Amino acid sequence: MSSSKRIAKEFAKCSANAPAGMTIEMPYPDDMSIWHITLKGPAATIYAKGNFGLVVTLPDNYPFKAPVVTFATRIYHPNVTNDSAGNICLAMLKTDNWKPALPMTEVLEAVRNLLVEPQPDDPLEARIADEYRTQREEFDKQALAYVEKYAKGAPKFPPRGEAGSKA
């Protein structure tokens, strides 16, 4: 199956059966490799009142190479870079762990689950992970402040030329 056929099939599956709280769109009809995901913060989490934008960029050799998933919305989280790049540390997306048979719905569900249960033992932001483990009240306060500042209303996605260039 060619990469474009696989991407079309994955997009159809994800659109029809999106993980809870997610809407998925392909913003550029002539480029199936970029997806914009709107993720409603999961209930009963500090992120619950936010709307987060995710950008999925599928490489030319997908599914043999892992997709790149980044937060377009700033978020205070141990597994996401605390900058506008929004890089995510997720074990399944690491080169050594990626499996071509893994469906995108599972990837998106895993990103959503990071908001439910951060992984401070595999952080991108060591200071935030330490705060999460040892000063939970302060972590929660900071995370809520980020939700208020960055995750209200509809997410803002990067312009076309910048989508996926964050990796």
N, C-alpha and C. Protein backbone atom coordinates (compact mmCIF):
# COMPACT_ATOMS: atom_id res chain seq x y z
N MET A 1 0.85 -1.18 0.00
CA MET A 1 0.00 0.00 0.00
C MET A 1 0.89 1.24 0.00
N SER A 2 0.62 2.16 -0.88
CA SER A 2 1.44 3.37 -0.94
C SER A 2 1.20 4.22 0.29
N SER A 3 2.14 5.09 0.56
CA SER A 3 2.04 5.97 1.72
C SER A 3 0.76 6.80 1.67
N SER A 4 0.43 7.35 0.49
CA SER A 4 -0.77 8.19 0.40
C SER A 4 -2.05 7.38 0.62
N LYS A 5 -2.08 6.13 0.15
CA LYS A 5 -3.26 5.28 0.41
C LYS A 5 -3.38 4.99 1.90
N ARG A 6 -2.25 4.69 2.54
CA ARG A 6 -2.27 4.41 3.98
C ARG A 6 -2.72 5.65 4.75
N ILE A 7 -2.21 6.81 4.37
CA ILE A 7 -2.59 8.05 5.05
C ILE A 7 -4.08 8.32 4.88
N ALA A 8 -4.59 8.15 3.67
CA ALA A 8 -6.02 8.36 3.43
C ALA A 8 -6.86 7.41 4.27
N LYS A 9 -6.44 6.16 4.34
CA LYS A 9 -7.15 5.15 5.13
C LYS A 9 -7.10 5.52 6.63
N GLU A 10 -5.93 5.90 7.11
CA GLU A 10 -5.77 6.30 8.52
C GLU A 10 -6.63 7.53 8.84
N PHE A 11 -6.63 8.51 7.94
CA PHE A 11 -7.41 9.73 8.17
C PHE A 11 -8.91 9.39 8.25
N ALA A 12 -9.38 8.55 7.34
CA ALA A 12 -10.79 8.15 7.34
C ALA A 12 -11.14 7.45 8.65
N LYS A 13 -10.27 6.53 9.10
CA LYS A 13 -10.51 5.82 10.37
C LYS A 13 -10.51 6.78 11.55
N CYS A 14 -9.53 7.68 11.60
CA CYS A 14 -9.43 8.63 12.70
C CYS A 14 -10.61 9.58 12.73
N SER A 15 -11.01 10.04 11.55
CA SER A 15 -12.14 10.97 11.48
C SER A 15 -13.44 10.32 11.94
N ALA A 16 -13.62 9.07 11.54
CA ALA A 16 -14.85 8.35 11.90
C ALA A 16 -14.86 7.87 13.34
N ASN A 17 -13.67 7.63 13.89
CA ASN A 17 -13.57 7.05 15.22
C ASN A 17 -12.50 7.78 16.03
N ALA A 18 -12.63 9.10 16.12
CA ALA A 18 -11.63 9.91 16.82
C ALA A 18 -11.64 9.60 18.31
N PRO A 19 -10.48 9.63 18.94
CA PRO A 19 -10.43 9.46 20.39
C PRO A 19 -11.31 10.52 21.07
N ALA A 20 -11.77 10.22 22.26
CA ALA A 20 -12.66 11.11 23.01
C ALA A 20 -12.11 12.53 23.06
N GLY A 21 -12.97 13.50 22.76
CA GLY A 21 -12.59 14.90 22.88
C GLY A 21 -11.74 15.44 21.75
N MET A 22 -11.60 14.68 20.65
CA MET A 22 -10.76 15.14 19.54
C MET A 22 -11.57 15.34 18.28
N THR A 23 -11.21 16.39 17.54
CA THR A 23 -11.70 16.55 16.18
C THR A 23 -10.47 16.62 15.29
N ILE A 24 -10.57 16.02 14.12
CA ILE A 24 -9.42 15.86 13.24
C ILE A 24 -9.77 16.45 11.88
N GLU A 25 -8.87 17.27 11.37
CA GLU A 25 -9.08 17.81 10.02
C GLU A 25 -7.77 17.78 9.25
N MET A 26 -7.93 17.73 7.96
CA MET A 26 -6.81 17.81 7.04
C MET A 26 -6.92 19.21 6.41
N PRO A 27 -6.15 20.18 6.91
CA PRO A 27 -6.38 21.57 6.51
C PRO A 27 -6.01 21.91 5.08
N TYR A 28 -5.15 21.09 4.46
CA TYR A 28 -4.70 21.37 3.10
C TYR A 28 -5.07 20.19 2.21
N PRO A 29 -6.12 20.31 1.40
CA PRO A 29 -6.58 19.19 0.58
C PRO A 29 -5.50 18.61 -0.34
N ASP A 30 -4.51 19.43 -0.68
CA ASP A 30 -3.45 18.95 -1.56
C ASP A 30 -2.27 18.35 -0.79
N ASP A 31 -2.38 18.26 0.54
CA ASP A 31 -1.29 17.72 1.35
C ASP A 31 -1.85 16.89 2.50
N MET A 32 -1.92 15.58 2.28
CA MET A 32 -2.49 14.68 3.29
C MET A 32 -1.54 14.45 4.46
N SER A 33 -0.32 14.94 4.38
CA SER A 33 0.66 14.64 5.42
C SER A 33 0.55 15.53 6.65
N ILE A 34 -0.29 16.56 6.59
CA ILE A 34 -0.46 17.46 7.75
C ILE A 34 -1.90 17.38 8.23
N TRP A 35 -2.03 17.06 9.52
CA TRP A 35 -3.35 17.01 10.15
C TRP A 35 -3.38 18.01 11.30
N HIS A 36 -4.52 18.63 11.49
CA HIS A 36 -4.74 19.48 12.65
C HIS A 36 -5.76 18.79 13.55
N ILE A 37 -5.38 18.66 14.80
CA ILE A 37 -6.23 18.00 15.78
C ILE A 37 -6.61 19.03 16.84
N THR A 38 -7.87 19.10 17.17
CA THR A 38 -8.31 19.90 18.32
C THR A 38 -8.64 18.91 19.43
N LEU A 39 -7.96 19.08 20.55
CA LEU A 39 -8.12 18.19 21.70
C LEU A 39 -8.72 18.98 22.85
N LYS A 40 -9.90 18.58 23.26
CA LYS A 40 -10.54 19.16 24.44
C LYS A 40 -9.86 18.53 25.64
N GLY A 41 -9.42 19.37 26.58
CA GLY A 41 -8.76 18.84 27.78
C GLY A 41 -9.63 17.79 28.44
N PRO A 42 -9.06 16.63 28.78
CA PRO A 42 -9.85 15.55 29.38
C PRO A 42 -10.50 15.96 30.71
N ALA A 43 -11.73 15.52 30.91
CA ALA A 43 -12.47 15.82 32.15
C ALA A 43 -11.66 15.33 33.35
N ALA A 44 -11.86 15.99 34.47
CA ALA A 44 -11.22 15.62 35.74
C ALA A 44 -9.69 15.75 35.69
N THR A 45 -9.18 16.60 34.80
CA THR A 45 -7.74 16.91 34.77
C THR A 45 -7.59 18.42 34.89
N ILE A 46 -6.38 18.86 35.18
CA ILE A 46 -6.14 20.30 35.24
C ILE A 46 -6.26 20.96 33.87
N TYR A 47 -6.27 20.15 32.83
CA TYR A 47 -6.37 20.67 31.46
C TYR A 47 -7.82 20.70 30.95
N ALA A 48 -8.77 20.31 31.78
CA ALA A 48 -10.16 20.10 31.35
C ALA A 48 -10.81 21.33 30.69
N LYS A 49 -10.43 22.52 31.09
CA LYS A 49 -11.08 23.71 30.54
C LYS A 49 -10.37 24.27 29.31
N GLY A 50 -9.41 23.51 28.77
CA GLY A 50 -8.66 24.01 27.63
C GLY A 50 -8.98 23.30 26.34
N ASN A 51 -8.68 23.98 25.24
CA ASN A 51 -8.73 23.40 23.90
C ASN A 51 -7.32 23.49 23.34
N PHE A 52 -6.76 22.34 22.99
CA PHE A 52 -5.36 22.28 22.58
C PHE A 52 -5.27 21.87 21.11
N GLY A 53 -4.41 22.56 20.40
CA GLY A 53 -4.15 22.22 19.01
C GLY A 53 -2.95 21.30 18.92
N LEU A 54 -3.09 20.24 18.14
CA LEU A 54 -1.98 19.33 17.86
C LEU A 54 -1.76 19.34 16.36
N VAL A 55 -0.51 19.28 15.95
CA VAL A 55 -0.18 19.15 14.54
C VAL A 55 0.48 17.79 14.36
N VAL A 56 -0.10 17.00 13.46
CA VAL A 56 0.48 15.71 13.11
C VAL A 56 1.09 15.87 11.73
N THR A 57 2.38 15.53 11.63
CA THR A 57 3.07 15.57 10.34
C THR A 57 3.54 14.16 10.03
N LEU A 58 3.05 13.64 8.92
CA LEU A 58 3.40 12.28 8.52
C LEU A 58 4.55 12.36 7.51
N PRO A 59 5.67 11.70 7.82
CA PRO A 59 6.84 11.77 6.92
C PRO A 59 6.58 11.06 5.60
N ASP A 60 7.40 11.34 4.61
CA ASP A 60 7.26 10.72 3.28
C ASP A 60 7.26 9.21 3.35
N ASN A 61 8.04 8.64 4.26
CA ASN A 61 8.12 7.18 4.35
C ASN A 61 7.23 6.60 5.45
N TYR A 62 6.18 7.34 5.83
CA TYR A 62 5.18 6.81 6.75
C TYR A 62 4.49 5.63 6.07
N PRO A 63 4.23 4.55 6.73
CA PRO A 63 4.28 4.27 8.16
C PRO A 63 5.60 3.68 8.65
N PHE A 64 6.61 3.65 7.80
CA PHE A 64 7.87 3.05 8.23
C PHE A 64 8.66 3.96 9.14
N LYS A 65 8.32 5.24 9.13
CA LYS A 65 8.89 6.19 10.06
C LYS A 65 7.75 6.82 10.85
N ALA A 66 7.98 7.05 12.13
CA ALA A 66 6.92 7.56 13.03
C ALA A 66 6.44 8.95 12.62
N PRO A 67 5.17 9.23 12.88
CA PRO A 67 4.67 10.58 12.67
C PRO A 67 5.30 11.53 13.69
N VAL A 68 5.30 12.80 13.37
CA VAL A 68 5.74 13.82 14.31
C VAL A 68 4.47 14.49 14.83
N VAL A 69 4.31 14.47 16.14
CA VAL A 69 3.14 15.08 16.77
C VAL A 69 3.64 16.18 17.70
N THR A 70 3.12 17.39 17.52
CA THR A 70 3.51 18.51 18.37
C THR A 70 2.27 19.26 18.84
N PHE A 71 2.42 19.93 19.97
CA PHE A 71 1.37 20.81 20.46
C PHE A 71 1.53 22.16 19.80
N ALA A 72 0.47 22.64 19.15
CA ALA A 72 0.46 24.00 18.58
C ALA A 72 0.09 24.99 19.69
N THR A 73 -0.54 24.49 20.73
CA THR A 73 -0.94 25.30 21.87
C THR A 73 0.07 25.09 22.99
N ARG A 74 0.53 26.18 23.57
CA ARG A 74 1.46 26.06 24.71
C ARG A 74 0.77 25.33 25.85
N ILE A 75 1.54 24.47 26.52
CA ILE A 75 1.01 23.67 27.62
C ILE A 75 2.11 23.48 28.66
N TYR A 76 1.75 23.50 29.91
CA TYR A 76 2.69 23.28 31.00
C TYR A 76 2.60 21.81 31.37
N HIS A 77 3.61 21.05 30.97
CA HIS A 77 3.53 19.59 31.10
C HIS A 77 4.94 19.01 31.08
N PRO A 78 5.22 17.99 31.90
CA PRO A 78 6.58 17.43 31.93
C PRO A 78 7.02 16.75 30.63
N ASN A 79 6.08 16.31 29.81
CA ASN A 79 6.42 15.57 28.60
C ASN A 79 6.31 16.39 27.32
N VAL A 80 6.15 17.71 27.46
CA VAL A 80 6.03 18.60 26.30
C VAL A 80 6.98 19.78 26.52
N THR A 81 7.76 20.12 25.50
CA THR A 81 8.70 21.23 25.67
C THR A 81 7.94 22.51 26.03
N ASN A 82 8.52 23.24 26.97
CA ASN A 82 7.89 24.46 27.47
C ASN A 82 8.28 25.64 26.59
N ASP A 83 7.90 25.53 25.31
CA ASP A 83 8.19 26.58 24.33
C ASP A 83 7.17 26.48 23.20
N SER A 84 7.34 27.30 22.20
CA SER A 84 6.37 27.30 21.10
C SER A 84 6.52 26.09 20.18
N ALA A 85 7.61 25.31 20.31
CA ALA A 85 7.78 24.12 19.47
C ALA A 85 6.80 23.03 19.85
N GLY A 86 6.52 22.87 21.14
CA GLY A 86 5.52 21.90 21.59
C GLY A 86 5.88 20.45 21.32
N ASN A 87 7.17 20.13 21.30
CA ASN A 87 7.59 18.74 21.07
C ASN A 87 7.11 17.85 22.21
N ILE A 88 6.76 16.61 21.86
CA ILE A 88 6.20 15.67 22.82
C ILE A 88 7.16 14.50 23.00
N CYS A 89 7.34 14.09 24.26
CA CYS A 89 8.10 12.88 24.56
C CYS A 89 7.09 11.77 24.80
N LEU A 90 7.00 10.86 23.85
CA LEU A 90 6.07 9.75 23.93
C LEU A 90 6.80 8.51 23.43
N ALA A 91 6.94 7.52 24.28
CA ALA A 91 7.76 6.34 23.98
C ALA A 91 7.43 5.73 22.62
N MET A 92 6.16 5.59 22.29
CA MET A 92 5.79 4.91 21.04
C MET A 92 6.25 5.64 19.79
N LEU A 93 6.54 6.94 19.91
CA LEU A 93 6.96 7.72 18.76
C LEU A 93 8.48 7.75 18.58
N LYS A 94 9.20 7.20 19.54
CA LYS A 94 10.66 7.15 19.42
C LYS A 94 11.05 6.14 18.35
N THR A 95 12.10 6.46 17.61
CA THR A 95 12.53 5.64 16.48
C THR A 95 12.65 4.16 16.82
N ASP A 96 13.24 3.84 17.96
CA ASP A 96 13.45 2.44 18.34
C ASP A 96 12.15 1.71 18.69
N ASN A 97 11.12 2.46 19.06
CA ASN A 97 9.86 1.85 19.51
C ASN A 97 8.77 1.86 18.45
N TRP A 98 8.90 2.68 17.42
CA TRP A 98 7.83 2.83 16.43
C TRP A 98 7.57 1.52 15.70
N LYS A 99 6.28 1.20 15.55
CA LYS A 99 5.85 0.02 14.81
C LYS A 99 4.95 0.48 13.66
N PRO A 100 5.29 0.17 12.40
CA PRO A 100 4.48 0.61 11.26
C PRO A 100 3.01 0.18 11.33
N ALA A 101 2.71 -0.89 12.04
CA ALA A 101 1.33 -1.36 12.12
C ALA A 101 0.49 -0.54 13.11
N LEU A 102 1.12 0.31 13.88
CA LEU A 102 0.41 1.09 14.90
C LEU A 102 -0.55 2.08 14.25
N PRO A 103 -1.84 2.00 14.56
CA PRO A 103 -2.79 2.94 13.95
C PRO A 103 -2.70 4.33 14.58
N MET A 104 -3.00 5.34 13.80
CA MET A 104 -2.94 6.72 14.30
C MET A 104 -3.92 6.96 15.44
N THR A 105 -5.03 6.24 15.48
CA THR A 105 -5.96 6.42 16.59
C THR A 105 -5.26 6.10 17.92
N GLU A 106 -4.39 5.09 17.92
CA GLU A 106 -3.66 4.75 19.15
C GLU A 106 -2.65 5.83 19.50
N VAL A 107 -2.00 6.40 18.50
CA VAL A 107 -1.05 7.49 18.74
C VAL A 107 -1.78 8.67 19.38
N LEU A 108 -2.91 9.05 18.81
CA LEU A 108 -3.67 10.19 19.33
C LEU A 108 -4.20 9.90 20.72
N GLU A 109 -4.65 8.68 20.96
CA GLU A 109 -5.12 8.30 22.29
C GLU A 109 -3.98 8.38 23.30
N ALA A 110 -2.78 7.99 22.91
CA ALA A 110 -1.62 8.05 23.81
C ALA A 110 -1.28 9.51 24.16
N VAL A 111 -1.39 10.42 23.19
CA VAL A 111 -1.15 11.83 23.47
C VAL A 111 -2.20 12.35 24.45
N ARG A 112 -3.45 12.01 24.21
CA ARG A 112 -4.53 12.40 25.12
C ARG A 112 -4.27 11.86 26.53
N ASN A 113 -3.82 10.61 26.62
CA ASN A 113 -3.55 10.00 27.92
C ASN A 113 -2.42 10.69 28.67
N LEU A 114 -1.50 11.34 27.95
CA LEU A 114 -0.46 12.10 28.64
C LEU A 114 -1.06 13.24 29.46
N LEU A 115 -2.19 13.78 29.00
CA LEU A 115 -2.84 14.84 29.77
C LEU A 115 -3.54 14.28 31.00
N VAL A 116 -4.00 13.06 30.90
CA VAL A 116 -4.65 12.39 32.03
C VAL A 116 -3.60 11.95 33.05
N GLU A 117 -2.51 11.39 32.53
CA GLU A 117 -1.47 10.83 33.39
C GLU A 117 -0.09 11.16 32.83
N PRO A 118 0.46 12.34 33.22
CA PRO A 118 1.81 12.69 32.77
C PRO A 118 2.82 11.61 33.18
N GLN A 119 3.91 11.54 32.44
CA GLN A 119 4.97 10.56 32.70
C GLN A 119 6.22 11.30 33.17
N PRO A 120 6.29 11.68 34.44
CA PRO A 120 7.42 12.48 34.91
C PRO A 120 8.75 11.73 34.92
N ASP A 121 8.72 10.41 34.78
CA ASP A 121 9.96 9.64 34.76
C ASP A 121 10.60 9.59 33.37
N ASP A 122 9.92 10.14 32.35
CA ASP A 122 10.46 10.21 31.00
C ASP A 122 10.17 11.62 30.46
N PRO A 123 10.73 12.65 31.15
CA PRO A 123 10.34 14.02 30.81
C PRO A 123 11.16 14.65 29.69
N LEU A 124 10.58 15.66 29.09
CA LEU A 124 11.33 16.57 28.22
C LEU A 124 11.71 17.80 29.03
N GLU A 125 10.94 18.08 30.05
CA GLU A 125 11.17 19.23 30.92
C GLU A 125 11.41 18.73 32.34
N ALA A 126 12.68 18.53 32.68
CA ALA A 126 13.04 17.94 33.98
C ALA A 126 12.54 18.79 35.16
N ARG A 127 12.64 20.11 35.04
CA ARG A 127 12.19 20.98 36.12
C ARG A 127 10.69 20.83 36.37
N ILE A 128 9.93 20.78 35.30
CA ILE A 128 8.48 20.63 35.43
C ILE A 128 8.14 19.24 35.98
N ALA A 129 8.87 18.22 35.54
CA ALA A 129 8.65 16.87 36.06
C ALA A 129 8.93 16.81 37.55
N ASP A 130 10.01 17.45 37.98
CA ASP A 130 10.36 17.48 39.40
C ASP A 130 9.26 18.21 40.19
N GLU A 131 8.79 19.31 39.64
CA GLU A 131 7.71 20.06 40.28
C GLU A 131 6.44 19.20 40.37
N TYR A 132 6.15 18.47 39.32
CA TYR A 132 4.97 17.58 39.30
C TYR A 132 5.07 16.56 40.44
N ARG A 133 6.27 15.99 40.63
CA ARG A 133 6.47 14.96 41.66
C ARG A 133 6.52 15.53 43.07
N THR A 134 7.15 16.68 43.23
CA THR A 134 7.44 17.15 44.60
C THR A 134 6.64 18.36 45.06
N GLN A 135 6.09 19.13 44.13
CA GLN A 135 5.32 20.32 44.48
C GLN A 135 4.05 20.36 43.64
N ARG A 136 3.24 19.36 43.82
CA ARG A 136 2.07 19.18 42.95
C ARG A 136 1.15 20.39 42.93
N GLU A 137 0.98 21.02 44.07
CA GLU A 137 0.09 22.19 44.13
C GLU A 137 0.62 23.31 43.22
N GLU A 138 1.93 23.54 43.23
CA GLU A 138 2.53 24.57 42.38
C GLU A 138 2.43 24.17 40.90
N PHE A 139 2.67 22.89 40.61
CA PHE A 139 2.52 22.41 39.24
C PHE A 139 1.09 22.67 38.74
N ASP A 140 0.11 22.28 39.53
CA ASP A 140 -1.29 22.47 39.14
C ASP A 140 -1.60 23.95 38.89
N LYS A 141 -1.08 24.80 39.75
CA LYS A 141 -1.30 26.25 39.60
C LYS A 141 -0.72 26.75 38.28
N GLN A 142 0.51 26.34 37.95
CA GLN A 142 1.14 26.76 36.70
C GLN A 142 0.40 26.20 35.48
N ALA A 143 0.03 24.93 35.55
CA ALA A 143 -0.67 24.30 34.43
C ALA A 143 -2.00 25.00 34.17
N LEU A 144 -2.73 25.33 35.23
CA LEU A 144 -4.00 26.04 35.08
C LEU A 144 -3.79 27.43 34.50
N ALA A 145 -2.71 28.09 34.90
CA ALA A 145 -2.41 29.42 34.36
C ALA A 145 -2.14 29.33 32.85
N TYR A 146 -1.45 28.28 32.40
CA TYR A 146 -1.20 28.09 30.97
C TYR A 146 -2.51 27.83 30.22
N VAL A 147 -3.39 27.04 30.82
CA VAL A 147 -4.69 26.78 30.20
C VAL A 147 -5.42 28.12 30.00
N GLU A 148 -5.44 28.93 31.04
CA GLU A 148 -6.13 30.23 30.96
C GLU A 148 -5.50 31.13 29.90
N LYS A 149 -4.19 31.15 29.84
CA LYS A 149 -3.48 32.06 28.94
C LYS A 149 -3.48 31.59 27.49
N TYR A 150 -3.29 30.27 27.27
CA TYR A 150 -3.05 29.77 25.92
C TYR A 150 -4.15 28.88 25.33
N ALA A 151 -4.98 28.26 26.17
CA ALA A 151 -5.87 27.20 25.66
C ALA A 151 -7.35 27.55 25.71
N LYS A 152 -7.67 28.82 25.68
CA LYS A 152 -9.07 29.23 25.65
C LYS A 152 -9.49 29.47 24.21
N GLY A 153 -10.73 29.10 23.88
CA GLY A 153 -11.21 29.31 22.51
C GLY A 153 -10.64 28.28 21.56
N ALA A 154 -10.80 28.55 20.28
CA ALA A 154 -10.32 27.62 19.25
C ALA A 154 -8.79 27.69 19.18
N PRO A 155 -8.13 26.54 19.01
CA PRO A 155 -6.67 26.55 18.91
C PRO A 155 -6.19 27.30 17.67
N LYS A 156 -5.01 27.88 17.78
CA LYS A 156 -4.37 28.54 16.64
C LYS A 156 -3.29 27.60 16.13
N PHE A 157 -3.35 27.31 14.85
CA PHE A 157 -2.38 26.42 14.22
C PHE A 157 -1.34 27.23 13.48
N PRO A 158 -0.12 26.71 13.33
CA PRO A 158 0.92 27.45 12.61
C PRO A 158 0.55 27.59 11.13
N PRO A 159 1.04 28.65 10.49
CA PRO A 159 0.82 28.79 9.04
C PRO A 159 1.39 27.61 8.29
N ARG A 160 0.90 27.39 7.12
CA ARG A 160 1.27 26.20 6.32
C ARG A 160 2.76 25.97 6.22
N GLY A 161 3.53 26.96 5.92
CA GLY A 161 4.97 26.78 5.77
C GLY A 161 5.67 26.35 7.04
N GLU A 162 5.04 26.61 8.19
CA GLU A 162 5.66 26.27 9.47
C GLU A 162 5.14 24.96 10.03
N ALA A 163 4.03 24.45 9.53
CA ALA A 163 3.47 23.21 10.06
C ALA A 163 4.46 22.08 9.87
N GLY A 164 4.79 21.44 10.97
CA GLY A 164 5.69 20.30 10.90
C GLY A 164 7.16 20.68 10.87
N SER A 165 7.47 21.98 10.74
CA SER A 165 8.88 22.38 10.71
C SER A 165 9.43 22.52 12.11
N LYS A 166 8.60 22.21 13.10
CA LYS A 166 9.02 22.36 14.50
C LYS A 166 9.82 21.17 14.97
N ALA A 167 9.76 20.07 14.28
CA ALA A 167 10.40 18.85 14.79
C ALA A 167 11.90 18.95 14.78
